[in-house]
Amino acid sequence: MKIYTRTGDKGETGLFDGTRVSKADPRVEAYGAVDETNALLGVATASTTDAELRGILHDLQRDLFAIGAQLADPKWGVKPRKEKTRLTEGRVAELEALIDRAEAELPPLKRFILPGGSQVGAVLHLTRTVCRRAERRMVALTATVAVAPLLLTYINRLSDLLFVLARLASRREGTEEIPW
């Protein structure tokens, strides 16, 4: 399979059902921002030697592929056909448990902190901001298309988790937070 197809040379792309749309289509904007979030998770994974964190980040990447697949399917038919594209309420609960577990290892947050910290912490802060953009794009998409509420809940919780993981990664690497 060649990586280039030439089918997008005129500013269009294909969705999962074969429909051709503009690369500026709100659906493409939404799954594109999810893809950016996923790529930044890859940078964060490459920036850490913390095995537990790497495992968490890999799982999040798989979730984001599932969300991207669902957003790229205008008929929302990929979810029932492919187990790996399925996302459940239980997964959101798992993110919440990860947040709680990480916060238990951190000092209470009393003020805003400057994004940064260790290398992986800084990348996770950046990832969080791109995740928030993905959320905004998904919300914008709901103006024209029904988006599963679970996807919005997941992406919202993910940005919270990324903030806590940024703090945790920096703490584990011995980097102090800088209050604002």
N, C-alpha and C. Protein backbone atom coordinates (compact mmCIF):
# COMPACT_ATOMS: atom_id res chain seq x y z
N MET A 1 0.84 -1.18 0.00
CA MET A 1 0.00 0.00 0.00
C MET A 1 0.89 1.24 0.00
N LYS A 2 0.66 2.13 -0.94
CA LYS A 2 1.42 3.37 -0.99
C LYS A 2 0.85 4.37 0.00
N ILE A 3 1.73 5.20 0.55
CA ILE A 3 1.30 6.20 1.52
C ILE A 3 0.59 7.36 0.82
N TYR A 4 0.94 7.61 -0.42
CA TYR A 4 0.26 8.70 -1.14
C TYR A 4 -0.74 8.12 -2.13
N THR A 5 -1.91 8.77 -2.19
CA THR A 5 -2.97 8.30 -3.08
C THR A 5 -3.34 9.33 -4.15
N ARG A 6 -2.95 10.57 -3.91
CA ARG A 6 -3.27 11.70 -4.79
C ARG A 6 -4.74 12.09 -4.74
N THR A 7 -5.54 11.38 -3.95
CA THR A 7 -6.98 11.70 -3.89
C THR A 7 -7.27 12.96 -3.09
N GLY A 8 -6.31 13.42 -2.30
CA GLY A 8 -6.53 14.62 -1.50
C GLY A 8 -5.88 15.87 -2.07
N ASP A 9 -5.38 15.76 -3.29
CA ASP A 9 -4.64 16.88 -3.88
C ASP A 9 -5.48 18.13 -4.12
N LYS A 10 -6.78 17.97 -4.14
CA LYS A 10 -7.66 19.12 -4.39
C LYS A 10 -8.39 19.57 -3.13
N GLY A 11 -7.84 19.18 -1.98
CA GLY A 11 -8.39 19.66 -0.72
C GLY A 11 -9.55 18.86 -0.17
N GLU A 12 -9.70 17.64 -0.64
CA GLU A 12 -10.75 16.77 -0.11
C GLU A 12 -10.13 15.53 0.51
N THR A 13 -10.92 14.89 1.37
CA THR A 13 -10.49 13.64 1.99
C THR A 13 -11.68 12.70 2.05
N GLY A 14 -11.41 11.44 2.22
CA GLY A 14 -12.48 10.45 2.30
C GLY A 14 -12.78 10.06 3.73
N LEU A 15 -14.07 9.96 4.04
CA LEU A 15 -14.50 9.48 5.35
C LEU A 15 -14.62 7.97 5.29
N PHE A 16 -14.92 7.34 6.42
CA PHE A 16 -14.97 5.87 6.48
C PHE A 16 -16.00 5.26 5.54
N ASP A 17 -17.07 5.99 5.26
CA ASP A 17 -18.10 5.43 4.38
C ASP A 17 -17.84 5.74 2.91
N GLY A 18 -16.70 6.38 2.61
CA GLY A 18 -16.36 6.71 1.23
C GLY A 18 -16.77 8.11 0.80
N THR A 19 -17.55 8.79 1.62
CA THR A 19 -17.95 10.16 1.31
C THR A 19 -16.72 11.05 1.20
N ARG A 20 -16.70 11.93 0.20
CA ARG A 20 -15.62 12.89 0.04
C ARG A 20 -16.07 14.22 0.63
N VAL A 21 -15.22 14.80 1.47
CA VAL A 21 -15.52 16.10 2.09
C VAL A 21 -14.28 16.98 2.05
N SER A 22 -14.49 18.26 2.24
CA SER A 22 -13.39 19.21 2.33
C SER A 22 -12.52 18.89 3.53
N LYS A 23 -11.23 19.12 3.39
CA LYS A 23 -10.33 18.92 4.52
C LYS A 23 -10.58 19.96 5.61
N ALA A 24 -11.39 20.98 5.30
CA ALA A 24 -11.77 21.99 6.29
C ALA A 24 -13.14 21.68 6.91
N ASP A 25 -13.73 20.55 6.57
CA ASP A 25 -15.02 20.15 7.13
C ASP A 25 -14.91 20.05 8.65
N PRO A 26 -15.95 20.45 9.40
CA PRO A 26 -15.90 20.38 10.86
C PRO A 26 -15.60 18.97 11.39
N ARG A 27 -16.04 17.95 10.70
CA ARG A 27 -15.76 16.58 11.13
C ARG A 27 -14.25 16.30 11.02
N VAL A 28 -13.65 16.75 9.93
CA VAL A 28 -12.22 16.55 9.72
C VAL A 28 -11.43 17.38 10.73
N GLU A 29 -11.91 18.59 11.01
CA GLU A 29 -11.28 19.42 12.04
C GLU A 29 -11.30 18.70 13.39
N ALA A 30 -12.43 18.07 13.71
CA ALA A 30 -12.57 17.39 15.01
C ALA A 30 -11.63 16.19 15.10
N TYR A 31 -11.68 15.30 14.11
CA TYR A 31 -10.81 14.13 14.25
C TYR A 31 -9.35 14.49 14.01
N GLY A 32 -9.10 15.59 13.30
CA GLY A 32 -7.72 16.06 13.14
C GLY A 32 -7.13 16.54 14.47
N ALA A 33 -7.93 17.25 15.26
CA ALA A 33 -7.45 17.70 16.57
C ALA A 33 -7.26 16.52 17.52
N VAL A 34 -8.10 15.51 17.39
CA VAL A 34 -7.91 14.29 18.19
C VAL A 34 -6.60 13.62 17.78
N ASP A 35 -6.32 13.60 16.48
CA ASP A 35 -5.08 13.02 15.98
C ASP A 35 -3.86 13.80 16.48
N GLU A 36 -3.95 15.13 16.51
CA GLU A 36 -2.86 15.94 17.05
C GLU A 36 -2.60 15.58 18.52
N THR A 37 -3.68 15.43 19.28
CA THR A 37 -3.55 15.05 20.69
C THR A 37 -2.83 13.71 20.80
N ASN A 38 -3.21 12.78 19.94
CA ASN A 38 -2.60 11.45 19.95
C ASN A 38 -1.11 11.53 19.62
N ALA A 39 -0.76 12.34 18.63
CA ALA A 39 0.65 12.47 18.25
C ALA A 39 1.47 13.06 19.40
N LEU A 40 0.90 14.04 20.09
CA LEU A 40 1.61 14.61 21.23
C LEU A 40 1.76 13.61 22.38
N LEU A 41 0.78 12.73 22.53
CA LEU A 41 0.95 11.66 23.51
C LEU A 41 2.14 10.78 23.14
N GLY A 42 2.34 10.60 21.84
CA GLY A 42 3.51 9.85 21.38
C GLY A 42 4.81 10.54 21.76
N VAL A 43 4.84 11.88 21.65
CA VAL A 43 6.02 12.63 22.05
C VAL A 43 6.24 12.48 23.56
N ALA A 44 5.16 12.57 24.33
CA ALA A 44 5.27 12.41 25.78
C ALA A 44 5.79 11.02 26.13
N THR A 45 5.28 10.01 25.45
CA THR A 45 5.73 8.64 25.70
C THR A 45 7.22 8.49 25.42
N ALA A 46 7.66 9.10 24.32
CA ALA A 46 9.08 9.03 23.97
C ALA A 46 9.96 9.83 24.92
N SER A 47 9.34 10.73 25.69
CA SER A 47 10.09 11.62 26.58
C SER A 47 10.23 11.09 28.00
N THR A 48 9.66 9.94 28.28
CA THR A 48 9.69 9.44 29.66
C THR A 48 10.26 8.03 29.74
N THR A 49 10.86 7.75 30.87
CA THR A 49 11.32 6.39 31.15
C THR A 49 10.42 5.74 32.20
N ASP A 50 9.42 6.45 32.66
CA ASP A 50 8.48 5.97 33.68
C ASP A 50 7.56 4.92 33.02
N ALA A 51 7.76 3.66 33.35
CA ALA A 51 7.02 2.56 32.71
C ALA A 51 5.52 2.66 32.96
N GLU A 52 5.13 3.03 34.17
CA GLU A 52 3.70 3.16 34.46
C GLU A 52 3.08 4.25 33.58
N LEU A 53 3.74 5.39 33.49
CA LEU A 53 3.23 6.49 32.68
C LEU A 53 3.17 6.10 31.21
N ARG A 54 4.20 5.43 30.72
CA ARG A 54 4.20 4.98 29.32
C ARG A 54 3.00 4.08 29.03
N GLY A 55 2.69 3.17 29.95
CA GLY A 55 1.54 2.29 29.76
C GLY A 55 0.23 3.07 29.71
N ILE A 56 0.08 4.03 30.62
CA ILE A 56 -1.12 4.86 30.63
C ILE A 56 -1.24 5.62 29.31
N LEU A 57 -0.15 6.22 28.87
CA LEU A 57 -0.18 7.01 27.63
C LEU A 57 -0.49 6.15 26.41
N HIS A 58 0.05 4.94 26.36
CA HIS A 58 -0.27 4.04 25.25
C HIS A 58 -1.76 3.70 25.23
N ASP A 59 -2.33 3.44 26.41
CA ASP A 59 -3.77 3.16 26.47
C ASP A 59 -4.59 4.36 26.00
N LEU A 60 -4.17 5.55 26.38
CA LEU A 60 -4.87 6.77 25.93
C LEU A 60 -4.78 6.92 24.42
N GLN A 61 -3.64 6.58 23.85
CA GLN A 61 -3.48 6.66 22.40
C GLN A 61 -4.47 5.71 21.70
N ARG A 62 -4.63 4.53 22.24
CA ARG A 62 -5.59 3.59 21.65
C ARG A 62 -7.01 4.16 21.73
N ASP A 63 -7.35 4.76 22.86
CA ASP A 63 -8.67 5.39 23.01
C ASP A 63 -8.87 6.49 21.97
N LEU A 64 -7.83 7.29 21.75
CA LEU A 64 -7.97 8.39 20.79
C LEU A 64 -8.12 7.89 19.37
N PHE A 65 -7.48 6.78 19.04
CA PHE A 65 -7.73 6.17 17.72
C PHE A 65 -9.19 5.76 17.60
N ALA A 66 -9.75 5.21 18.67
CA ALA A 66 -11.16 4.81 18.66
C ALA A 66 -12.07 6.03 18.45
N ILE A 67 -11.77 7.11 19.15
CA ILE A 67 -12.57 8.33 19.00
C ILE A 67 -12.44 8.89 17.59
N GLY A 68 -11.23 8.93 17.08
CA GLY A 68 -11.02 9.41 15.71
C GLY A 68 -11.77 8.57 14.70
N ALA A 69 -11.77 7.26 14.88
CA ALA A 69 -12.50 6.37 13.97
C ALA A 69 -13.99 6.68 14.00
N GLN A 70 -14.53 6.88 15.19
CA GLN A 70 -15.95 7.18 15.30
C GLN A 70 -16.28 8.53 14.66
N LEU A 71 -15.42 9.52 14.88
CA LEU A 71 -15.67 10.84 14.29
C LEU A 71 -15.55 10.82 12.77
N ALA A 72 -14.71 9.94 12.23
CA ALA A 72 -14.51 9.86 10.78
C ALA A 72 -15.58 9.04 10.08
N ASP A 73 -16.53 8.51 10.83
CA ASP A 73 -17.57 7.66 10.26
C ASP A 73 -18.92 8.39 10.33
N PRO A 74 -19.38 8.98 9.23
CA PRO A 74 -20.62 9.75 9.27
C PRO A 74 -21.85 8.92 9.60
N LYS A 75 -21.78 7.62 9.40
CA LYS A 75 -22.94 6.77 9.70
C LYS A 75 -22.82 6.13 11.08
N TRP A 76 -21.74 6.45 11.80
CA TRP A 76 -21.50 5.92 13.13
C TRP A 76 -21.61 4.39 13.14
N GLY A 77 -21.22 3.77 12.03
CA GLY A 77 -21.35 2.32 11.92
C GLY A 77 -20.09 1.57 12.27
N VAL A 78 -18.96 2.26 12.43
CA VAL A 78 -17.72 1.57 12.72
C VAL A 78 -17.73 0.99 14.13
N LYS A 79 -18.37 1.64 15.05
CA LYS A 79 -18.36 1.20 16.46
C LYS A 79 -18.89 -0.22 16.62
N PRO A 80 -20.07 -0.55 16.08
CA PRO A 80 -20.55 -1.92 16.28
C PRO A 80 -19.71 -2.98 15.56
N ARG A 81 -19.04 -2.59 14.46
CA ARG A 81 -18.29 -3.56 13.68
C ARG A 81 -16.91 -3.86 14.24
N LYS A 82 -16.32 -2.91 14.90
CA LYS A 82 -14.94 -3.05 15.35
C LYS A 82 -14.84 -2.88 16.86
N GLU A 83 -14.48 -3.93 17.52
CA GLU A 83 -14.37 -3.90 18.99
C GLU A 83 -13.39 -2.83 19.46
N LYS A 84 -12.27 -2.67 18.75
CA LYS A 84 -11.27 -1.72 19.24
C LYS A 84 -11.70 -0.27 19.09
N THR A 85 -12.78 0.00 18.38
CA THR A 85 -13.27 1.39 18.29
C THR A 85 -14.34 1.68 19.34
N ARG A 86 -14.64 0.70 20.17
CA ARG A 86 -15.67 0.85 21.18
C ARG A 86 -15.11 1.57 22.40
N LEU A 87 -15.86 2.52 22.90
CA LEU A 87 -15.50 3.24 24.11
C LEU A 87 -16.70 3.14 25.05
N THR A 88 -16.46 2.90 26.32
CA THR A 88 -17.56 2.70 27.26
C THR A 88 -17.50 3.70 28.40
N GLU A 89 -18.62 3.81 29.11
CA GLU A 89 -18.66 4.64 30.32
C GLU A 89 -17.62 4.16 31.31
N GLY A 90 -17.37 2.86 31.31
CA GLY A 90 -16.37 2.30 32.20
C GLY A 90 -14.99 2.88 31.96
N ARG A 91 -14.71 3.20 30.72
CA ARG A 91 -13.40 3.78 30.41
C ARG A 91 -13.28 5.18 31.01
N VAL A 92 -14.37 5.94 30.99
CA VAL A 92 -14.37 7.26 31.62
C VAL A 92 -14.12 7.11 33.12
N ALA A 93 -14.76 6.12 33.73
CA ALA A 93 -14.54 5.85 35.15
C ALA A 93 -13.08 5.49 35.42
N GLU A 94 -12.45 4.77 34.49
CA GLU A 94 -11.04 4.43 34.64
C GLU A 94 -10.18 5.69 34.61
N LEU A 95 -10.53 6.65 33.73
CA LEU A 95 -9.77 7.90 33.69
C LEU A 95 -9.91 8.64 35.02
N GLU A 96 -11.13 8.66 35.55
CA GLU A 96 -11.36 9.32 36.84
C GLU A 96 -10.56 8.65 37.95
N ALA A 97 -10.47 7.33 37.92
CA ALA A 97 -9.67 6.61 38.92
C ALA A 97 -8.19 6.95 38.77
N LEU A 98 -7.72 7.08 37.54
CA LEU A 98 -6.33 7.47 37.31
C LEU A 98 -6.07 8.88 37.86
N ILE A 99 -7.02 9.78 37.65
CA ILE A 99 -6.88 11.14 38.17
C ILE A 99 -6.78 11.09 39.69
N ASP A 100 -7.68 10.35 40.32
CA ASP A 100 -7.68 10.26 41.78
C ASP A 100 -6.38 9.66 42.30
N ARG A 101 -5.91 8.61 41.64
CA ARG A 101 -4.67 7.95 42.06
C ARG A 101 -3.47 8.88 41.92
N ALA A 102 -3.42 9.62 40.82
CA ALA A 102 -2.30 10.55 40.60
C ALA A 102 -2.36 11.70 41.60
N GLU A 103 -3.56 12.22 41.84
CA GLU A 103 -3.69 13.34 42.78
C GLU A 103 -3.28 12.94 44.20
N ALA A 104 -3.47 11.67 44.53
CA ALA A 104 -3.07 11.20 45.86
C ALA A 104 -1.55 11.26 46.04
N GLU A 105 -0.82 11.26 44.94
CA GLU A 105 0.64 11.31 44.98
C GLU A 105 1.16 12.76 44.91
N LEU A 106 0.26 13.70 44.68
CA LEU A 106 0.64 15.10 44.47
C LEU A 106 0.24 15.98 45.65
N PRO A 107 0.99 17.07 45.85
CA PRO A 107 0.53 18.02 46.86
C PRO A 107 -0.74 18.72 46.34
N PRO A 108 -1.61 19.13 47.27
CA PRO A 108 -2.83 19.81 46.82
C PRO A 108 -2.50 21.07 46.02
N LEU A 109 -3.29 21.32 45.02
CA LEU A 109 -3.08 22.50 44.19
C LEU A 109 -3.79 23.68 44.84
N LYS A 110 -3.03 24.71 45.19
CA LYS A 110 -3.60 25.87 45.87
C LYS A 110 -3.63 27.11 44.99
N ARG A 111 -2.82 27.09 43.94
CA ARG A 111 -2.76 28.21 43.00
C ARG A 111 -2.57 27.65 41.59
N PHE A 112 -2.77 28.53 40.62
CA PHE A 112 -2.44 28.14 39.26
C PHE A 112 -0.94 27.91 39.17
N ILE A 113 -0.54 27.03 38.28
CA ILE A 113 0.88 26.79 38.05
C ILE A 113 1.20 27.09 36.59
N LEU A 114 2.43 27.47 36.36
CA LEU A 114 2.86 27.71 34.98
C LEU A 114 3.05 26.36 34.29
N PRO A 115 2.52 26.21 33.07
CA PRO A 115 2.76 24.96 32.34
C PRO A 115 4.27 24.80 32.11
N GLY A 116 4.75 23.63 32.33
CA GLY A 116 6.18 23.38 32.16
C GLY A 116 6.59 22.19 32.99
N GLY A 117 7.63 22.38 33.78
CA GLY A 117 8.13 21.30 34.60
C GLY A 117 9.19 20.52 33.87
N SER A 118 9.17 19.22 34.02
CA SER A 118 10.12 18.36 33.32
C SER A 118 9.77 18.34 31.83
N GLN A 119 10.63 17.71 31.05
CA GLN A 119 10.37 17.61 29.60
C GLN A 119 9.03 16.94 29.34
N VAL A 120 8.80 15.78 29.94
CA VAL A 120 7.53 15.07 29.71
C VAL A 120 6.37 15.86 30.30
N GLY A 121 6.59 16.51 31.43
CA GLY A 121 5.53 17.33 32.03
C GLY A 121 5.11 18.46 31.10
N ALA A 122 6.09 19.12 30.51
CA ALA A 122 5.79 20.21 29.57
C ALA A 122 5.04 19.69 28.35
N VAL A 123 5.45 18.54 27.84
CA VAL A 123 4.76 17.97 26.68
C VAL A 123 3.32 17.60 27.04
N LEU A 124 3.12 17.09 28.24
CA LEU A 124 1.75 16.74 28.66
C LEU A 124 0.89 17.99 28.85
N HIS A 125 1.48 19.08 29.31
CA HIS A 125 0.72 20.34 29.38
C HIS A 125 0.31 20.79 27.98
N LEU A 126 1.23 20.69 27.02
CA LEU A 126 0.90 21.04 25.64
C LEU A 126 -0.17 20.11 25.09
N THR A 127 -0.04 18.84 25.39
CA THR A 127 -1.03 17.86 24.94
C THR A 127 -2.41 18.20 25.49
N ARG A 128 -2.45 18.64 26.76
CA ARG A 128 -3.73 19.04 27.37
C ARG A 128 -4.38 20.18 26.60
N THR A 129 -3.59 21.16 26.17
CA THR A 129 -4.18 22.30 25.45
C THR A 129 -4.70 21.87 24.09
N VAL A 130 -4.00 20.96 23.43
CA VAL A 130 -4.48 20.46 22.14
C VAL A 130 -5.73 19.60 22.35
N CYS A 131 -5.76 18.85 23.44
CA CYS A 131 -6.95 18.06 23.79
C CYS A 131 -8.15 18.98 23.98
N ARG A 132 -7.95 20.11 24.62
CA ARG A 132 -9.04 21.08 24.80
C ARG A 132 -9.51 21.61 23.44
N ARG A 133 -8.58 21.79 22.52
CA ARG A 133 -8.97 22.21 21.17
C ARG A 133 -9.80 21.12 20.51
N ALA A 134 -9.39 19.88 20.67
CA ALA A 134 -10.18 18.77 20.12
C ALA A 134 -11.59 18.80 20.69
N GLU A 135 -11.69 19.06 21.97
CA GLU A 135 -13.01 19.15 22.60
C GLU A 135 -13.83 20.29 21.97
N ARG A 136 -13.21 21.44 21.77
CA ARG A 136 -13.93 22.56 21.14
C ARG A 136 -14.39 22.20 19.73
N ARG A 137 -13.53 21.52 18.98
CA ARG A 137 -13.89 21.11 17.61
C ARG A 137 -15.04 20.11 17.63
N MET A 138 -15.02 19.20 18.61
CA MET A 138 -16.10 18.22 18.72
C MET A 138 -17.40 18.90 19.10
N VAL A 139 -17.34 19.87 20.00
CA VAL A 139 -18.54 20.62 20.38
C VAL A 139 -19.06 21.38 19.17
N ALA A 140 -18.18 22.00 18.41
CA ALA A 140 -18.60 22.72 17.19
C ALA A 140 -19.27 21.77 16.21
N LEU A 141 -18.76 20.56 16.11
CA LEU A 141 -19.35 19.56 15.21
C LEU A 141 -20.78 19.23 15.61
N THR A 142 -21.09 19.30 16.90
CA THR A 142 -22.45 18.98 17.35
C THR A 142 -23.49 19.96 16.82
N ALA A 143 -23.06 21.11 16.29
CA ALA A 143 -24.01 22.06 15.69
C ALA A 143 -24.62 21.51 14.42
N THR A 144 -23.92 20.58 13.77
CA THR A 144 -24.41 20.03 12.50
C THR A 144 -24.61 18.53 12.51
N VAL A 145 -23.96 17.85 13.44
CA VAL A 145 -23.97 16.39 13.47
C VAL A 145 -24.11 15.93 14.92
N ALA A 146 -24.85 14.86 15.12
CA ALA A 146 -24.95 14.29 16.46
C ALA A 146 -23.63 13.59 16.80
N VAL A 147 -23.02 14.00 17.90
CA VAL A 147 -21.80 13.37 18.39
C VAL A 147 -22.17 12.66 19.69
N ALA A 148 -21.76 11.42 19.81
CA ALA A 148 -22.08 10.65 21.01
C ALA A 148 -21.61 11.41 22.25
N PRO A 149 -22.50 11.65 23.19
CA PRO A 149 -22.11 12.37 24.42
C PRO A 149 -20.92 11.73 25.14
N LEU A 150 -20.80 10.42 25.05
CA LEU A 150 -19.68 9.74 25.69
C LEU A 150 -18.34 10.23 25.15
N LEU A 151 -18.28 10.52 23.86
CA LEU A 151 -17.02 11.01 23.28
C LEU A 151 -16.65 12.36 23.88
N LEU A 152 -17.65 13.22 24.06
CA LEU A 152 -17.38 14.53 24.66
C LEU A 152 -16.98 14.39 26.12
N THR A 153 -17.65 13.51 26.84
CA THR A 153 -17.30 13.28 28.25
C THR A 153 -15.87 12.76 28.36
N TYR A 154 -15.53 11.79 27.51
CA TYR A 154 -14.20 11.20 27.55
C TYR A 154 -13.14 12.27 27.30
N ILE A 155 -13.31 13.07 26.26
CA ILE A 155 -12.27 14.04 25.88
C ILE A 155 -12.14 15.12 26.95
N ASN A 156 -13.25 15.46 27.61
CA ASN A 156 -13.19 16.42 28.71
C ASN A 156 -12.42 15.84 29.88
N ARG A 157 -12.69 14.61 30.24
CA ARG A 157 -11.99 13.96 31.34
C ARG A 157 -10.52 13.76 31.00
N LEU A 158 -10.25 13.47 29.73
CA LEU A 158 -8.87 13.27 29.31
C LEU A 158 -8.04 14.53 29.56
N SER A 159 -8.58 15.69 29.26
CA SER A 159 -7.79 16.91 29.48
C SER A 159 -7.49 17.09 30.96
N ASP A 160 -8.44 16.73 31.82
CA ASP A 160 -8.19 16.78 33.27
C ASP A 160 -7.06 15.81 33.65
N LEU A 161 -7.13 14.61 33.10
CA LEU A 161 -6.10 13.61 33.39
C LEU A 161 -4.73 14.09 32.91
N LEU A 162 -4.68 14.69 31.74
CA LEU A 162 -3.40 15.15 31.20
C LEU A 162 -2.76 16.21 32.10
N PHE A 163 -3.59 17.09 32.67
CA PHE A 163 -3.08 18.09 33.59
C PHE A 163 -2.45 17.41 34.80
N VAL A 164 -3.15 16.45 35.37
CA VAL A 164 -2.65 15.77 36.56
C VAL A 164 -1.41 14.94 36.22
N LEU A 165 -1.41 14.30 35.05
CA LEU A 165 -0.24 13.52 34.66
C LEU A 165 0.97 14.41 34.41
N ALA A 166 0.75 15.62 33.90
CA ALA A 166 1.85 16.56 33.71
C ALA A 166 2.49 16.90 35.05
N ARG A 167 1.65 17.16 36.03
CA ARG A 167 2.15 17.46 37.37
C ARG A 167 2.88 16.25 37.96
N LEU A 168 2.29 15.08 37.79
CA LEU A 168 2.87 13.86 38.35
C LEU A 168 4.22 13.55 37.71
N ALA A 169 4.29 13.65 36.39
CA ALA A 169 5.55 13.36 35.69
C ALA A 169 6.65 14.30 36.16
N SER A 170 6.33 15.57 36.29
CA SER A 170 7.34 16.53 36.74
C SER A 170 7.76 16.23 38.17
N ARG A 171 6.81 15.90 39.02
CA ARG A 171 7.14 15.59 40.42
C ARG A 171 8.04 14.36 40.49
N ARG A 172 7.70 13.33 39.74
CA ARG A 172 8.51 12.10 39.76
C ARG A 172 9.92 12.34 39.25
N GLU A 173 10.07 13.35 38.39
CA GLU A 173 11.40 13.66 37.88
C GLU A 173 12.11 14.73 38.72
N GLY A 174 11.48 15.14 39.83
CA GLY A 174 12.11 16.06 40.74
C GLY A 174 12.06 17.52 40.34
N THR A 175 11.14 17.86 39.46
CA THR A 175 11.01 19.25 39.01
C THR A 175 9.90 19.94 39.80
N GLU A 176 10.23 21.09 40.36
CA GLU A 176 9.25 21.83 41.15
C GLU A 176 8.31 22.61 40.24
N GLU A 177 7.05 22.74 40.70
CA GLU A 177 6.07 23.55 40.00
C GLU A 177 6.31 25.02 40.32
N ILE A 178 6.05 25.85 39.32
CA ILE A 178 6.21 27.29 39.50
C ILE A 178 4.82 27.91 39.59
N PRO A 179 4.48 28.47 40.76
CA PRO A 179 3.14 29.08 40.89
C PRO A 179 3.03 30.37 40.09
N TRP A 180 1.83 30.68 39.70
CA TRP A 180 1.57 31.92 38.97
C TRP A 180 1.14 32.98 39.94
